[in-house]
Amino acid sequence: MVLATAVVFVVSLLIGALGIYVGARAIVGAGDYDHAIVTALIGAIVWAVVGFFVGWIPLLGPLLALLAYVAVINVRYPGDWTAAAMIALVAWVTVLIALYALAVIGVTGFDAVGVPGV
C-alpha cells in the first residue's frame, strides 16, 4: 500500500513537472527538467499549505492558493508575474492533455502533483 502510494506520488509529480517544464520552455526558454521537478514539488507543498489555511474561504481561498502557486513559479523562473502565470497556464493545459491521453489508454487516473486543478 505504501509503495503503491509512493509510486503514484512520484509519477504524478513527474507529470506535473513535465507541464511546468513545457510551460517554462515555451514562455521563458528555461529547459531544465530537474528544476521543473523541484518547482512542482515546492508548488504542490505551497498549494496544500495555503489551501489548508484559507482554502475554505469561498472564492478567496482558492484564489490565494493559486496566487501562491504562481508566486513559486515567479520565484523559480526568470520573468515577471505575467510570465509566471503563463507558465502555470501552459503547465495546466499540458498536464491536462497528458493525463487525458494516459486515462484513455487506462494507465492512470486524472490527477497530478505539482499542477493545481488537474
Protein backbone atom coordinates (compact mmCIF):
# COMPACT_ATOMS: atom_id res chain seq x y z
CA MET A 1 0.00 0.00 0.00
CA VAL A 2 2.75 2.46 0.96
CA LEU A 3 4.83 1.52 -2.07
CA ALA A 4 1.86 1.96 -4.39
CA THR A 5 1.12 5.38 -2.89
CA ALA A 6 4.76 6.41 -3.29
CA VAL A 7 4.79 5.27 -6.92
CA VAL A 8 1.59 7.21 -7.68
CA PHE A 9 3.04 10.30 -5.99
CA VAL A 10 6.31 10.11 -7.94
CA VAL A 11 4.61 9.50 -11.29
CA SER A 12 2.13 12.33 -10.62
CA LEU A 13 4.98 14.63 -9.63
CA LEU A 14 6.88 13.80 -12.82
CA ILE A 15 3.79 14.51 -14.92
CA GLY A 16 3.26 17.82 -13.09
CA ALA A 17 6.92 18.69 -13.62
CA LEU A 18 6.53 17.91 -17.32
CA GLY A 19 3.80 20.55 -17.51
CA ILE A 20 5.96 23.15 -15.77
CA TYR A 21 8.93 22.21 -17.96
CA VAL A 22 6.89 22.67 -21.16
CA GLY A 23 5.47 25.97 -19.87
CA ALA A 24 8.86 27.33 -18.78
CA ARG A 25 10.49 26.25 -22.01
CA ALA A 26 7.77 27.87 -24.12
CA ILE A 27 7.44 31.11 -22.14
CA VAL A 28 10.93 31.93 -20.83
CA GLY A 29 13.17 29.46 -22.63
CA ALA A 30 14.19 27.59 -19.47
CA GLY A 31 14.96 23.98 -20.28
CA ASP A 32 15.94 22.19 -17.08
CA TYR A 33 13.60 19.31 -16.17
CA ASP A 34 15.24 18.84 -12.75
CA HIS A 35 14.41 22.47 -11.95
CA ALA A 36 10.82 21.80 -13.02
CA ILE A 37 10.60 18.78 -10.69
CA VAL A 38 11.71 20.85 -7.70
CA THR A 39 9.35 23.66 -8.71
CA ALA A 40 6.44 21.21 -8.97
CA LEU A 41 7.22 19.78 -5.54
CA ILE A 42 7.52 23.20 -3.90
CA GLY A 43 4.40 24.39 -5.73
CA ALA A 44 2.41 21.38 -4.53
CA ILE A 45 3.51 21.92 -0.93
CA VAL A 46 2.74 25.65 -1.03
CA TRP A 47 -0.64 25.00 -2.68
CA ALA A 48 -1.50 22.44 0.03
CA VAL A 49 -0.40 24.65 2.93
CA VAL A 50 -2.21 27.76 1.67
CA GLY A 51 -5.24 25.66 0.78
CA PHE A 52 -5.27 24.17 4.28
CA PHE A 53 -5.27 27.57 5.97
CA VAL A 54 -7.50 29.62 3.66
CA GLY A 55 -8.94 27.17 1.15
CA TRP A 56 -12.25 27.04 3.00
CA ILE A 57 -12.94 30.74 2.26
CA PRO A 58 -15.26 30.83 -0.76
CA LEU A 59 -13.61 32.23 -3.89
CA LEU A 60 -10.80 33.96 -1.96
CA GLY A 61 -9.23 30.76 -0.58
CA PRO A 62 -8.69 29.00 -3.92
CA LEU A 63 -7.61 32.29 -5.48
CA LEU A 64 -4.96 32.80 -2.78
CA ALA A 65 -3.75 29.21 -3.23
CA LEU A 66 -3.43 29.79 -6.99
CA LEU A 67 -1.62 33.08 -6.39
CA ALA A 68 0.81 31.32 -4.03
CA TYR A 69 1.44 28.63 -6.67
CA VAL A 70 2.14 31.26 -9.34
CA ALA A 71 4.40 33.05 -6.84
CA VAL A 72 6.50 29.87 -6.54
CA ILE A 73 6.89 29.81 -10.33
CA ASN A 74 7.68 33.55 -10.31
CA VAL A 75 10.47 33.00 -7.79
CA ARG A 76 11.88 29.90 -9.51
CA TYR A 77 11.90 31.18 -13.12
CA PRO A 78 13.01 34.42 -14.78
CA GLY A 79 10.41 36.90 -15.89
CA ASP A 80 7.59 38.73 -14.23
CA TRP A 81 4.21 37.73 -12.81
CA THR A 82 2.70 37.58 -16.27
CA ALA A 83 5.35 35.09 -17.41
CA ALA A 84 4.79 33.03 -14.26
CA ALA A 85 1.02 32.99 -14.84
CA MET A 86 1.56 31.95 -18.45
CA ILE A 87 3.92 29.15 -17.37
CA ALA A 88 1.25 27.93 -14.94
CA LEU A 89 -1.42 28.07 -17.66
CA VAL A 90 0.71 26.17 -20.18
CA ALA A 91 1.61 23.65 -17.45
CA TRP A 92 -2.06 23.12 -16.64
CA VAL A 93 -3.00 22.57 -20.29
CA THR A 94 -0.01 20.27 -20.88
CA VAL A 95 -0.81 18.14 -17.85
CA LEU A 96 -4.50 18.04 -18.78
CA ILE A 97 -3.61 16.70 -22.24
CA ALA A 98 -1.08 14.19 -20.88
CA LEU A 99 -3.44 12.89 -18.20
CA TYR A 100 -6.32 12.65 -20.66
CA ALA A 101 -4.16 10.59 -23.02
CA LEU A 102 -2.97 8.32 -20.17
CA ALA A 103 -6.51 7.93 -18.80
CA VAL A 104 -7.86 7.00 -22.23
CA ILE A 105 -5.40 4.14 -22.54
CA GLY A 106 -6.06 3.12 -18.91
CA VAL A 107 -2.63 3.85 -17.48
CA THR A 108 -3.55 6.41 -14.82
CA GLY A 109 -6.29 8.41 -13.19
CA PHE A 110 -6.94 12.05 -13.88
CA ASP A 111 -4.69 13.88 -11.36
CA ALA A 112 -1.12 15.12 -10.96
CA VAL A 113 1.05 16.52 -8.20
CA GLY A 114 2.60 19.92 -8.81
CA VAL A 115 -0.05 21.45 -11.04
CA PRO A 116 -3.20 22.54 -9.25
CA GLY A 117 -6.66 21.79 -10.50
CA VAL A 118 -5.81 18.78 -12.63
